[in-house]
N, C-alpha and C. Protein backbone atom coordinates (compact mmCIF):
# COMPACT_ATOMS: atom_id res chain seq x y z
N MET A 1 41.72 196.48 190.05
CA MET A 1 42.78 197.31 189.49
C MET A 1 43.87 196.40 188.93
N LYS A 2 44.33 196.66 187.67
CA LYS A 2 45.36 195.86 187.03
C LYS A 2 46.71 196.58 187.07
N PHE A 3 47.76 195.78 187.24
CA PHE A 3 49.11 196.33 187.26
C PHE A 3 49.92 195.64 186.17
N SER A 4 50.74 196.40 185.47
CA SER A 4 51.59 195.82 184.44
C SER A 4 52.74 195.08 185.09
N ASN A 5 53.30 194.12 184.38
CA ASN A 5 54.45 193.37 184.89
C ASN A 5 55.63 194.31 185.16
N ARG A 6 55.77 195.34 184.32
CA ARG A 6 56.88 196.29 184.50
C ARG A 6 56.74 197.03 185.82
N LEU A 7 55.49 197.42 186.15
CA LEU A 7 55.26 198.15 187.40
C LEU A 7 55.52 197.26 188.60
N ILE A 8 55.05 196.00 188.54
CA ILE A 8 55.26 195.07 189.65
C ILE A 8 56.75 194.85 189.88
N CYS A 9 57.49 194.66 188.79
CA CYS A 9 58.94 194.46 188.91
C CYS A 9 59.61 195.67 189.53
N ALA A 10 59.16 196.85 189.15
CA ALA A 10 59.75 198.08 189.69
C ALA A 10 59.50 198.16 191.19
N VAL A 11 58.31 197.77 191.63
CA VAL A 11 57.99 197.81 193.06
C VAL A 11 58.85 196.83 193.82
N LEU A 12 59.01 195.62 193.27
CA LEU A 12 59.81 194.60 193.96
C LEU A 12 61.27 195.01 194.05
N LEU A 13 61.78 195.63 192.99
CA LEU A 13 63.18 196.08 193.02
C LEU A 13 63.36 197.20 194.02
N ALA A 14 62.37 198.05 194.14
CA ALA A 14 62.47 199.18 195.07
C ALA A 14 62.38 198.71 196.51
N SER A 15 61.61 197.64 196.75
CA SER A 15 61.44 197.15 198.11
C SER A 15 61.47 195.63 198.12
N PRO A 16 62.56 195.01 198.59
CA PRO A 16 62.67 193.55 198.63
C PRO A 16 61.57 192.91 199.46
N LEU A 17 60.96 193.68 200.39
CA LEU A 17 59.93 193.12 201.26
C LEU A 17 58.56 193.15 200.61
N ALA A 18 58.44 193.80 199.48
CA ALA A 18 57.14 193.93 198.85
C ALA A 18 56.54 192.58 198.52
N PHE A 19 57.36 191.66 197.98
CA PHE A 19 56.86 190.35 197.62
C PHE A 19 56.38 189.60 198.85
N VAL A 20 57.14 189.69 199.96
CA VAL A 20 56.76 189.03 201.21
C VAL A 20 55.44 189.57 201.71
N ASN A 21 55.27 190.91 201.63
CA ASN A 21 54.04 191.52 202.12
C ASN A 21 52.84 191.10 201.27
N ILE A 22 53.02 191.04 199.95
CA ILE A 22 51.94 190.61 199.08
C ILE A 22 51.56 189.17 199.39
N ALA A 23 52.59 188.30 199.55
CA ALA A 23 52.32 186.89 199.84
C ALA A 23 51.61 186.74 201.17
N SER A 24 52.05 187.52 202.18
CA SER A 24 51.45 187.43 203.51
C SER A 24 50.00 187.87 203.48
N ALA A 25 49.71 188.90 202.67
CA ALA A 25 48.34 189.39 202.60
C ALA A 25 47.41 188.37 201.97
N GLN A 26 47.97 187.51 201.10
CA GLN A 26 47.15 186.52 200.43
C GLN A 26 47.09 185.21 201.21
N ALA A 27 47.94 185.04 202.21
CA ALA A 27 48.00 183.78 202.96
C ALA A 27 46.77 183.62 203.85
N PRO A 28 46.28 182.37 204.01
CA PRO A 28 45.13 182.13 204.89
C PRO A 28 45.51 182.38 206.34
N GLN A 29 44.52 182.59 207.17
CA GLN A 29 44.74 182.86 208.59
C GLN A 29 44.93 181.54 209.34
N MET A 30 46.12 180.99 209.29
CA MET A 30 46.43 179.71 209.92
C MET A 30 46.36 179.79 211.44
N THR A 31 45.63 178.88 212.04
CA THR A 31 45.54 178.82 213.51
C THR A 31 45.75 177.40 214.02
N PHE A 32 46.16 176.50 213.14
CA PHE A 32 46.42 175.11 213.51
C PHE A 32 47.44 174.52 212.54
N PHE A 33 48.38 173.75 213.07
CA PHE A 33 49.29 173.01 212.20
C PHE A 33 49.98 171.89 212.96
N VAL A 34 50.54 170.96 212.21
CA VAL A 34 51.43 169.93 212.75
C VAL A 34 52.84 170.42 212.48
N THR A 35 53.70 170.37 213.46
CA THR A 35 55.07 170.84 213.26
C THR A 35 55.77 170.02 212.18
N SER A 36 56.48 170.68 211.31
CA SER A 36 57.19 169.98 210.24
C SER A 36 58.36 169.17 210.79
N THR A 37 58.90 169.58 211.93
CA THR A 37 59.96 168.85 212.61
C THR A 37 59.70 168.91 214.12
N GLY A 38 60.36 168.03 214.84
CA GLY A 38 60.26 168.04 216.30
C GLY A 38 61.44 168.77 216.92
N SER A 39 61.68 168.45 218.18
CA SER A 39 62.78 169.10 218.90
C SER A 39 64.13 168.53 218.52
N GLY A 40 64.11 167.33 217.94
CA GLY A 40 65.37 166.65 217.62
C GLY A 40 65.87 165.82 218.79
N LYS A 41 65.19 165.93 219.93
CA LYS A 41 65.58 165.19 221.14
C LYS A 41 64.46 164.28 221.59
N GLY A 42 63.75 163.71 220.63
CA GLY A 42 62.65 162.82 220.98
C GLY A 42 61.53 163.57 221.67
N ALA A 43 61.09 163.03 222.81
CA ALA A 43 60.00 163.65 223.56
C ALA A 43 60.48 164.66 224.59
N ASP A 44 61.79 164.89 224.63
CA ASP A 44 62.31 165.95 225.51
C ASP A 44 62.12 167.28 224.79
N LEU A 45 61.07 167.98 225.18
CA LEU A 45 60.72 169.25 224.54
C LEU A 45 61.09 170.45 225.41
N GLY A 46 61.65 170.16 226.59
CA GLY A 46 61.90 171.25 227.53
C GLY A 46 60.63 171.62 228.29
N GLY A 47 59.78 170.60 228.53
CA GLY A 47 58.52 170.86 229.24
C GLY A 47 57.53 171.58 228.34
N LEU A 48 56.43 172.01 228.94
CA LEU A 48 55.40 172.71 228.17
C LEU A 48 55.93 174.02 227.59
N ALA A 49 56.76 174.71 228.36
CA ALA A 49 57.29 175.99 227.88
C ALA A 49 58.13 175.79 226.62
N GLY A 50 58.95 174.76 226.62
CA GLY A 50 59.77 174.48 225.45
C GLY A 50 58.93 174.06 224.26
N ALA A 51 57.87 173.30 224.51
CA ALA A 51 56.98 172.86 223.44
C ALA A 51 56.25 174.06 222.83
N ASP A 52 55.78 174.95 223.68
CA ASP A 52 55.10 176.15 223.18
C ASP A 52 56.04 177.00 222.34
N GLN A 53 57.29 177.08 222.78
CA GLN A 53 58.26 177.87 222.02
C GLN A 53 58.54 177.24 220.66
N LEU A 54 58.54 175.91 220.62
CA LEU A 54 58.72 175.22 219.35
C LEU A 54 57.59 175.58 218.39
N CYS A 55 56.35 175.57 218.90
CA CYS A 55 55.21 175.96 218.07
C CYS A 55 55.34 177.41 217.61
N GLN A 56 55.74 178.28 218.54
CA GLN A 56 55.86 179.70 218.22
C GLN A 56 56.92 179.94 217.15
N THR A 57 58.04 179.23 217.27
CA THR A 57 59.13 179.38 216.32
C THR A 57 58.74 178.90 214.93
N ARG A 58 58.07 177.74 214.88
CA ARG A 58 57.63 177.21 213.58
C ARG A 58 56.60 178.14 212.95
N ALA A 59 55.69 178.68 213.77
CA ALA A 59 54.67 179.60 213.25
C ALA A 59 55.31 180.87 212.72
N ALA A 60 56.29 181.41 213.45
CA ALA A 60 56.97 182.63 213.02
C ALA A 60 57.67 182.43 211.68
N ALA A 61 58.27 181.27 211.50
CA ALA A 61 58.97 180.98 210.25
C ALA A 61 58.00 180.93 209.07
N ALA A 62 56.74 180.65 209.37
CA ALA A 62 55.71 180.58 208.33
C ALA A 62 54.94 181.89 208.19
N GLY A 63 55.37 182.91 208.93
CA GLY A 63 54.71 184.21 208.84
C GLY A 63 53.50 184.37 209.72
N ALA A 64 53.35 183.47 210.72
CA ALA A 64 52.18 183.52 211.61
C ALA A 64 52.60 183.73 213.06
N GLY A 65 53.73 184.37 213.27
CA GLY A 65 54.26 184.54 214.62
C GLY A 65 53.57 185.60 215.45
N ALA A 66 52.67 186.37 214.86
CA ALA A 66 51.98 187.42 215.63
C ALA A 66 50.96 186.83 216.59
N ARG A 67 50.56 185.59 216.36
CA ARG A 67 49.61 184.93 217.25
C ARG A 67 50.34 184.26 218.40
N THR A 68 49.60 183.93 219.46
CA THR A 68 50.15 183.17 220.58
C THR A 68 49.84 181.71 220.36
N TRP A 69 50.89 180.89 220.24
CA TRP A 69 50.73 179.48 219.91
C TRP A 69 50.97 178.59 221.12
N ARG A 70 50.20 177.51 221.20
CA ARG A 70 50.33 176.54 222.28
C ARG A 70 50.40 175.13 221.71
N ALA A 71 51.24 174.31 222.32
CA ALA A 71 51.33 172.90 221.93
C ALA A 71 50.18 172.14 222.58
N TYR A 72 49.58 171.25 221.81
CA TYR A 72 48.49 170.42 222.33
C TYR A 72 49.12 169.26 223.11
N LEU A 73 49.39 169.50 224.39
CA LEU A 73 50.02 168.51 225.27
C LEU A 73 49.39 168.54 226.64
N SER A 74 49.22 167.37 227.23
CA SER A 74 48.81 167.27 228.63
C SER A 74 50.03 166.91 229.47
N THR A 75 49.97 167.23 230.75
CA THR A 75 50.99 166.78 231.70
C THR A 75 50.29 166.13 232.88
N THR A 76 51.00 165.25 233.57
CA THR A 76 50.43 164.54 234.72
C THR A 76 50.87 165.19 236.02
N ALA A 77 50.11 164.91 237.06
CA ALA A 77 50.41 165.47 238.38
C ALA A 77 51.48 164.63 239.05
N THR A 78 52.70 165.10 239.04
CA THR A 78 53.81 164.39 239.67
C THR A 78 54.46 165.27 240.73
N ALA A 79 55.01 164.61 241.74
CA ALA A 79 55.72 165.32 242.83
C ALA A 79 54.86 166.43 243.43
N GLY A 80 53.59 166.13 243.60
CA GLY A 80 52.70 167.11 244.21
C GLY A 80 52.23 168.20 243.29
N GLY A 81 52.61 168.12 242.02
CA GLY A 81 52.20 169.15 241.06
C GLY A 81 50.77 168.97 240.59
N THR A 82 50.36 169.81 239.69
CA THR A 82 49.00 169.78 239.15
C THR A 82 49.02 169.32 237.71
N ALA A 83 48.08 168.46 237.35
CA ALA A 83 47.98 167.99 235.98
C ALA A 83 47.50 169.12 235.07
N THR A 84 47.88 169.04 233.81
CA THR A 84 47.45 170.02 232.81
C THR A 84 46.74 169.29 231.68
N ASN A 85 45.59 169.79 231.28
CA ASN A 85 44.83 169.20 230.18
C ASN A 85 45.14 169.93 228.88
N ALA A 86 45.45 169.18 227.84
CA ALA A 86 45.76 169.80 226.55
C ALA A 86 44.61 170.67 226.07
N ARG A 87 43.39 170.24 226.28
CA ARG A 87 42.22 170.97 225.79
C ARG A 87 42.07 172.34 226.44
N ASP A 88 42.68 172.52 227.62
CA ASP A 88 42.55 173.79 228.34
C ASP A 88 43.62 174.80 227.96
N ARG A 89 44.54 174.42 227.09
CA ARG A 89 45.69 175.27 226.78
C ARG A 89 45.57 176.01 225.45
N ILE A 90 44.61 175.65 224.63
CA ILE A 90 44.67 176.03 223.22
C ILE A 90 43.67 177.11 222.81
N GLY A 91 43.02 177.73 223.74
CA GLY A 91 42.07 178.77 223.39
C GLY A 91 40.69 178.21 223.08
N ALA A 92 39.85 179.04 222.48
CA ALA A 92 38.45 178.68 222.27
C ALA A 92 38.13 178.30 220.83
N GLY A 93 39.04 178.55 219.89
CA GLY A 93 38.74 178.29 218.49
C GLY A 93 38.04 179.47 217.85
N PRO A 94 37.66 179.38 216.59
CA PRO A 94 37.86 178.23 215.69
C PRO A 94 39.31 178.14 215.21
N TRP A 95 39.62 176.97 214.59
CA TRP A 95 40.97 176.75 214.09
C TRP A 95 40.93 176.33 212.63
N HIS A 96 41.86 176.89 211.85
CA HIS A 96 41.98 176.59 210.43
C HIS A 96 43.42 176.19 210.11
N ASN A 97 43.58 175.33 209.12
CA ASN A 97 44.93 174.93 208.73
C ASN A 97 45.55 175.96 207.79
N ALA A 98 46.73 175.64 207.26
CA ALA A 98 47.47 176.60 206.44
C ALA A 98 46.78 176.94 205.13
N LYS A 99 45.82 176.11 204.73
CA LYS A 99 45.05 176.40 203.51
C LYS A 99 43.72 177.07 203.81
N GLY A 100 43.49 177.38 205.09
CA GLY A 100 42.25 178.03 205.47
C GLY A 100 41.09 177.08 205.69
N GLU A 101 41.36 175.77 205.67
CA GLU A 101 40.30 174.78 205.87
C GLU A 101 39.96 174.67 207.36
N LEU A 102 38.69 174.64 207.67
CA LEU A 102 38.24 174.57 209.05
C LEU A 102 38.57 173.21 209.67
N ILE A 103 39.21 173.24 210.84
CA ILE A 103 39.52 172.03 211.60
C ILE A 103 38.45 171.79 212.66
N ALA A 104 38.10 172.82 213.39
CA ALA A 104 37.04 172.71 214.40
C ALA A 104 36.62 174.11 214.81
N LEU A 105 35.35 174.25 215.15
CA LEU A 105 34.82 175.55 215.56
C LEU A 105 35.19 175.90 216.99
N ASN A 106 35.27 174.88 217.85
CA ASN A 106 35.52 175.12 219.27
C ASN A 106 36.12 173.87 219.90
N VAL A 107 36.40 173.93 221.19
CA VAL A 107 37.04 172.82 221.90
C VAL A 107 36.17 171.58 221.88
N GLU A 108 34.88 171.74 222.06
CA GLU A 108 33.98 170.58 222.06
C GLU A 108 33.98 169.88 220.72
N GLU A 109 33.88 170.64 219.64
CA GLU A 109 33.89 170.03 218.31
C GLU A 109 35.23 169.38 218.02
N LEU A 110 36.30 169.98 218.49
CA LEU A 110 37.63 169.41 218.28
C LEU A 110 37.72 168.00 218.83
N HIS A 111 37.01 167.75 219.94
CA HIS A 111 37.10 166.45 220.59
C HIS A 111 35.92 165.53 220.31
N THR A 112 35.04 165.93 219.44
CA THR A 112 33.91 165.07 219.09
C THR A 112 33.71 164.92 217.59
N ALA A 113 33.96 165.96 216.83
CA ALA A 113 33.67 165.90 215.39
C ALA A 113 34.59 166.81 214.58
N ASN A 114 35.89 166.73 214.86
CA ASN A 114 36.82 167.60 214.12
C ASN A 114 37.05 167.07 212.71
N LYS A 115 37.73 167.87 211.92
CA LYS A 115 37.98 167.53 210.51
C LYS A 115 39.45 167.22 210.25
N ILE A 116 40.11 166.70 211.27
CA ILE A 116 41.51 166.32 211.11
C ILE A 116 41.62 165.02 210.32
N THR A 117 42.33 165.08 209.21
CA THR A 117 42.65 163.92 208.38
C THR A 117 44.07 164.09 207.87
N LYS A 118 44.55 163.13 207.12
CA LYS A 118 45.88 163.27 206.53
C LYS A 118 45.95 164.49 205.63
N GLN A 119 44.86 164.78 204.93
CA GLN A 119 44.84 165.89 203.98
C GLN A 119 44.67 167.25 204.65
N THR A 120 44.17 167.28 205.88
CA THR A 120 43.94 168.57 206.55
C THR A 120 44.92 168.85 207.69
N ALA A 121 45.56 167.81 208.22
CA ALA A 121 46.54 168.01 209.29
C ALA A 121 47.87 168.45 208.67
N LEU A 122 47.86 169.64 208.11
CA LEU A 122 49.02 170.15 207.38
C LEU A 122 50.07 170.73 208.32
N THR A 123 51.31 170.78 207.84
CA THR A 123 52.37 171.43 208.60
C THR A 123 52.22 172.94 208.47
N GLU A 124 53.07 173.67 209.20
CA GLU A 124 53.05 175.13 209.11
C GLU A 124 53.44 175.61 207.72
N LYS A 125 54.04 174.74 206.94
CA LYS A 125 54.43 175.07 205.57
C LYS A 125 53.32 174.79 204.57
N GLY A 126 52.20 174.25 205.07
CA GLY A 126 51.09 173.91 204.19
C GLY A 126 51.28 172.57 203.50
N GLU A 127 52.18 171.75 204.02
CA GLU A 127 52.47 170.45 203.41
C GLU A 127 51.76 169.33 204.14
N VAL A 128 51.45 168.25 203.42
CA VAL A 128 50.85 167.07 204.02
C VAL A 128 51.91 166.32 204.81
N ASN A 129 51.60 165.98 206.05
CA ASN A 129 52.53 165.22 206.87
C ASN A 129 52.47 163.75 206.45
N PRO A 130 53.61 163.13 206.13
CA PRO A 130 53.58 161.74 205.68
C PRO A 130 53.02 160.80 206.74
N GLY A 131 52.20 159.86 206.29
CA GLY A 131 51.55 158.95 207.22
C GLY A 131 51.65 157.50 206.79
N ARG A 132 50.72 156.71 207.29
CA ARG A 132 50.72 155.29 206.99
C ARG A 132 50.56 155.07 205.48
N GLY A 133 51.45 154.20 204.93
CA GLY A 133 51.44 153.93 203.50
C GLY A 133 52.45 154.72 202.72
N ASP A 134 53.01 155.78 203.32
CA ASP A 134 54.04 156.57 202.67
C ASP A 134 55.42 155.95 202.93
N PRO A 135 56.43 156.29 202.12
CA PRO A 135 57.77 155.75 202.33
C PRO A 135 58.29 156.00 203.74
N VAL A 136 57.98 157.15 204.29
CA VAL A 136 58.33 157.46 205.68
C VAL A 136 57.03 157.80 206.40
N ASN A 137 56.78 157.13 207.51
CA ASN A 137 55.56 157.35 208.27
C ASN A 137 55.85 158.22 209.49
N GLN A 138 55.19 159.39 209.57
CA GLN A 138 55.36 160.28 210.71
C GLN A 138 53.99 160.68 211.27
N HIS A 139 53.06 159.72 211.29
CA HIS A 139 51.71 160.10 211.73
C HIS A 139 51.54 160.15 213.24
N ASP A 140 52.50 159.61 214.00
CA ASP A 140 52.42 159.65 215.47
C ASP A 140 52.71 161.07 215.97
N ILE A 141 51.77 161.64 216.69
CA ILE A 141 51.93 163.00 217.23
C ILE A 141 51.90 162.93 218.76
N LEU A 142 52.84 163.57 219.41
CA LEU A 142 52.89 163.59 220.87
C LEU A 142 51.69 164.35 221.44
N THR A 143 50.98 163.74 222.40
CA THR A 143 49.86 164.44 223.06
C THR A 143 49.79 164.18 224.56
N GLY A 144 50.06 162.96 225.00
CA GLY A 144 49.93 162.63 226.42
C GLY A 144 48.51 162.76 226.93
N SER A 145 47.54 162.56 226.06
CA SER A 145 46.16 162.89 226.39
C SER A 145 45.18 161.75 226.19
N THR A 146 44.04 161.86 226.86
CA THR A 146 42.90 160.98 226.64
C THR A 146 42.17 161.45 225.38
N PRO A 147 41.22 160.66 224.87
CA PRO A 147 40.47 161.10 223.68
C PRO A 147 39.76 162.44 223.86
N ASP A 148 39.39 162.79 225.09
CA ASP A 148 38.72 164.08 225.30
C ASP A 148 39.69 165.19 225.66
N GLY A 149 40.99 164.93 225.49
CA GLY A 149 41.99 165.98 225.64
C GLY A 149 42.44 166.28 227.05
N ARG A 150 42.32 165.30 227.93
CA ARG A 150 42.70 165.51 229.32
C ARG A 150 43.92 164.66 229.70
N ALA A 151 44.53 165.01 230.83
CA ALA A 151 45.68 164.27 231.33
C ALA A 151 45.26 162.85 231.69
N ILE A 152 46.14 161.90 231.47
CA ILE A 152 45.86 160.50 231.79
C ILE A 152 46.23 160.23 233.24
N THR A 153 45.33 159.64 233.97
CA THR A 153 45.58 159.34 235.38
C THR A 153 46.25 157.97 235.52
N GLY A 154 46.79 157.71 236.71
CA GLY A 154 47.46 156.45 236.97
C GLY A 154 48.94 156.67 237.20
N THR A 155 49.67 155.58 237.36
CA THR A 155 51.09 155.67 237.68
C THR A 155 52.01 155.52 236.47
N ALA A 156 51.48 155.05 235.36
CA ALA A 156 52.31 154.86 234.17
C ALA A 156 52.74 156.21 233.58
N ASP A 157 53.92 156.23 233.01
CA ASP A 157 54.41 157.44 232.35
C ASP A 157 53.75 157.56 230.99
N THR A 158 52.98 158.60 230.80
CA THR A 158 52.28 158.81 229.52
C THR A 158 52.69 160.13 228.86
N THR A 159 53.71 160.80 229.45
CA THR A 159 54.15 162.10 228.93
C THR A 159 55.67 162.22 228.86
N CYS A 160 56.36 161.07 228.90
CA CYS A 160 57.84 161.10 228.92
C CYS A 160 58.34 162.11 229.96
N GLY A 161 57.87 161.91 231.19
CA GLY A 161 58.32 162.78 232.27
C GLY A 161 57.89 164.21 232.08
N ASN A 162 56.62 164.36 231.64
CA ASN A 162 56.10 165.71 231.36
C ASN A 162 56.97 166.46 230.37
N TRP A 163 57.36 165.70 229.32
CA TRP A 163 58.06 166.24 228.15
C TRP A 163 59.47 166.72 228.47
N THR A 164 60.17 165.92 229.33
CA THR A 164 61.55 166.24 229.67
C THR A 164 62.50 165.05 229.46
N LYS A 165 61.98 163.92 228.98
CA LYS A 165 62.81 162.72 228.82
C LYS A 165 63.05 162.39 227.35
N SER A 166 64.25 161.90 227.08
CA SER A 166 64.57 161.43 225.73
C SER A 166 65.18 160.04 225.78
N GLY A 167 64.88 159.31 226.86
CA GLY A 167 65.39 157.95 227.02
C GLY A 167 64.26 157.02 227.41
N GLU A 168 64.32 156.53 228.65
CA GLU A 168 63.28 155.63 229.12
C GLU A 168 61.99 156.40 229.38
N GLY A 169 60.89 155.66 229.31
CA GLY A 169 59.57 156.26 229.53
C GLY A 169 58.67 156.01 228.35
N SER A 170 57.55 156.70 228.34
CA SER A 170 56.58 156.53 227.26
C SER A 170 55.68 157.74 227.19
N ALA A 171 55.06 157.93 226.02
CA ALA A 171 54.13 159.04 225.84
C ALA A 171 52.95 158.57 225.00
N MET A 172 51.77 159.06 225.32
CA MET A 172 50.60 158.77 224.51
C MET A 172 50.69 159.55 223.20
N LEU A 173 50.35 158.86 222.12
CA LEU A 173 50.45 159.43 220.78
C LEU A 173 49.09 159.43 220.08
N GLY A 174 48.90 160.33 219.16
CA GLY A 174 47.73 160.34 218.30
C GLY A 174 48.15 160.11 216.87
N HIS A 175 47.19 159.70 216.02
CA HIS A 175 47.46 159.49 214.60
C HIS A 175 46.91 160.64 213.78
N ALA A 176 47.77 161.44 213.21
CA ALA A 176 47.34 162.61 212.44
C ALA A 176 46.56 162.22 211.19
N ASP A 177 46.83 161.02 210.66
CA ASP A 177 46.12 160.59 209.46
C ASP A 177 44.90 159.73 209.76
N ARG A 178 44.66 159.49 211.05
CA ARG A 178 43.51 158.69 211.52
C ARG A 178 43.55 157.26 210.99
N LEU A 179 44.77 156.72 210.78
CA LEU A 179 44.94 155.36 210.28
C LEU A 179 45.87 154.57 211.19
N GLY A 180 45.58 153.26 211.33
CA GLY A 180 46.43 152.41 212.15
C GLY A 180 46.43 150.99 211.64
N LEU A 181 46.94 150.07 212.46
CA LEU A 181 47.02 148.67 212.06
C LEU A 181 45.66 147.97 212.13
N THR A 182 44.74 148.54 212.89
CA THR A 182 43.41 147.97 213.04
C THR A 182 42.36 149.00 212.62
N ASP A 183 41.10 148.63 212.77
CA ASP A 183 40.02 149.52 212.37
C ASP A 183 39.22 149.99 213.58
N ASP A 184 39.83 149.93 214.77
CA ASP A 184 39.10 150.33 215.97
C ASP A 184 39.29 151.81 216.26
N ALA A 185 38.59 152.29 217.28
CA ALA A 185 38.61 153.72 217.61
C ALA A 185 40.01 154.24 217.95
N PRO A 186 40.80 153.55 218.78
CA PRO A 186 42.14 154.06 219.08
C PRO A 186 43.01 154.24 217.84
N ALA A 187 42.95 153.31 216.90
CA ALA A 187 43.77 153.41 215.69
C ALA A 187 43.40 154.64 214.88
N LYS A 188 42.14 155.05 214.98
CA LYS A 188 41.66 156.20 214.22
C LYS A 188 41.71 157.50 215.02
N SER A 189 42.21 157.42 216.24
CA SER A 189 42.21 158.60 217.10
C SER A 189 43.32 159.58 216.75
N TRP A 190 42.98 160.83 216.62
CA TRP A 190 43.97 161.86 216.30
C TRP A 190 44.82 162.23 217.50
N ASN A 191 44.33 161.92 218.73
CA ASN A 191 45.05 162.40 219.91
C ASN A 191 45.32 161.34 220.98
N SER A 192 44.81 160.12 220.83
CA SER A 192 45.00 159.13 221.89
C SER A 192 44.95 157.72 221.29
N SER A 193 45.98 157.37 220.53
CA SER A 193 45.97 156.10 219.81
C SER A 193 46.73 155.00 220.55
N HIS A 194 47.98 155.25 220.91
CA HIS A 194 48.79 154.23 221.58
C HIS A 194 50.01 154.88 222.22
N PRO A 195 50.62 154.20 223.20
CA PRO A 195 51.83 154.75 223.82
C PRO A 195 53.06 154.49 222.95
N SER A 196 54.06 155.34 223.12
CA SER A 196 55.31 155.16 222.38
C SER A 196 56.14 154.05 223.03
N ARG A 197 57.11 153.54 222.29
CA ARG A 197 58.00 152.50 222.83
C ARG A 197 59.03 153.07 223.78
N GLY A 198 59.24 154.34 223.71
CA GLY A 198 60.20 155.02 224.57
C GLY A 198 60.12 156.50 224.28
N CYS A 199 61.14 157.24 224.71
CA CYS A 199 61.10 158.70 224.57
C CYS A 199 62.18 159.25 223.66
N SER A 200 63.09 158.39 223.17
CA SER A 200 64.16 158.87 222.29
C SER A 200 63.64 159.09 220.89
N GLN A 201 64.40 159.78 220.08
CA GLN A 201 64.02 160.01 218.70
C GLN A 201 63.87 158.68 217.96
N ASP A 202 64.79 157.76 218.19
CA ASP A 202 64.71 156.45 217.53
C ASP A 202 63.48 155.68 218.00
N ASN A 203 63.16 155.76 219.28
CA ASN A 203 61.96 155.10 219.80
C ASN A 203 60.71 155.62 219.11
N LEU A 204 60.64 156.92 218.95
CA LEU A 204 59.46 157.52 218.32
C LEU A 204 59.38 157.15 216.84
N LYS A 205 60.52 157.11 216.16
CA LYS A 205 60.54 156.73 214.75
C LYS A 205 60.10 155.29 214.54
N SER A 206 60.38 154.43 215.53
CA SER A 206 60.14 152.99 215.36
C SER A 206 58.67 152.63 215.19
N THR A 207 57.77 153.49 215.65
CA THR A 207 56.34 153.20 215.48
C THR A 207 55.66 154.17 214.51
N GLY A 208 56.43 155.02 213.87
CA GLY A 208 55.85 155.92 212.89
C GLY A 208 55.72 157.35 213.36
N GLY A 209 56.75 157.86 214.01
CA GLY A 209 56.71 159.23 214.50
C GLY A 209 58.02 159.95 214.29
N ALA A 210 58.04 161.21 214.75
CA ALA A 210 59.27 162.00 214.66
C ALA A 210 59.30 163.06 215.74
N GLY A 211 58.50 162.86 216.80
CA GLY A 211 58.45 163.86 217.87
C GLY A 211 57.70 165.10 217.46
N LEU A 212 56.71 164.95 216.58
CA LEU A 212 55.94 166.10 216.10
C LEU A 212 54.83 166.50 217.07
N LEU A 213 54.36 167.74 216.92
CA LEU A 213 53.32 168.28 217.81
C LEU A 213 52.17 168.86 217.01
N TYR A 214 51.01 168.91 217.65
CA TYR A 214 49.90 169.73 217.16
C TYR A 214 50.05 171.10 217.78
N CYS A 215 49.96 172.15 217.00
CA CYS A 215 50.03 173.51 217.51
C CYS A 215 48.74 174.24 217.18
N PHE A 216 48.21 174.94 218.18
CA PHE A 216 46.98 175.71 218.03
C PHE A 216 47.22 177.16 218.44
N ALA A 217 46.64 178.07 217.73
CA ALA A 217 46.72 179.48 218.12
C ALA A 217 45.73 179.71 219.25
N GLU A 218 46.27 180.08 220.41
CA GLU A 218 45.42 180.35 221.57
C GLU A 218 44.60 181.60 221.34
N LYS A 219 45.21 182.60 220.68
CA LYS A 219 44.50 183.85 220.39
C LYS A 219 45.21 184.58 219.26
């Protein structure tokens, strides 16, 4: 069915939301993104709850707030608590980016043969996240996880105090563009490349980050 430009203009003037609704209807079903910005407080995200809310807020701003969003983060077992695995928080899949491109069919594929690259690890706005070789490098993504998406054991801080610190400490990072200083597996890892120098915003920026997160639609 064809509509004249005059008719479309009349509809938009009658209802300011018409354009938004048309755009939303044409938008891909996004279920994965890299946050365009972090918390602004380094790795202090307010714990898992605060990180999830950050994902939810960014998704809502992009018109995808009807889904339940989870941050891809692990936490360690401290003070008698229980560890949390990032892979157990994000639902069953499949996941697609803002352009509708498939990232992974399920949790197993996500951790063995996903399609995350610089070109597919898009923000909620559908933009490419700057990485290695760009004027500003933000390819470091907070995860606190092993390559298979689980909490890291041991006594070292790998989650900046379970995502509550913005000073001393460290967090495991992944490379969203799958590029690093070397050609080994960690440098190419999307979720477990190297620890941060600290937990502050400046610490994260110093190695190519900005306190960004991977967000997945749980359902």
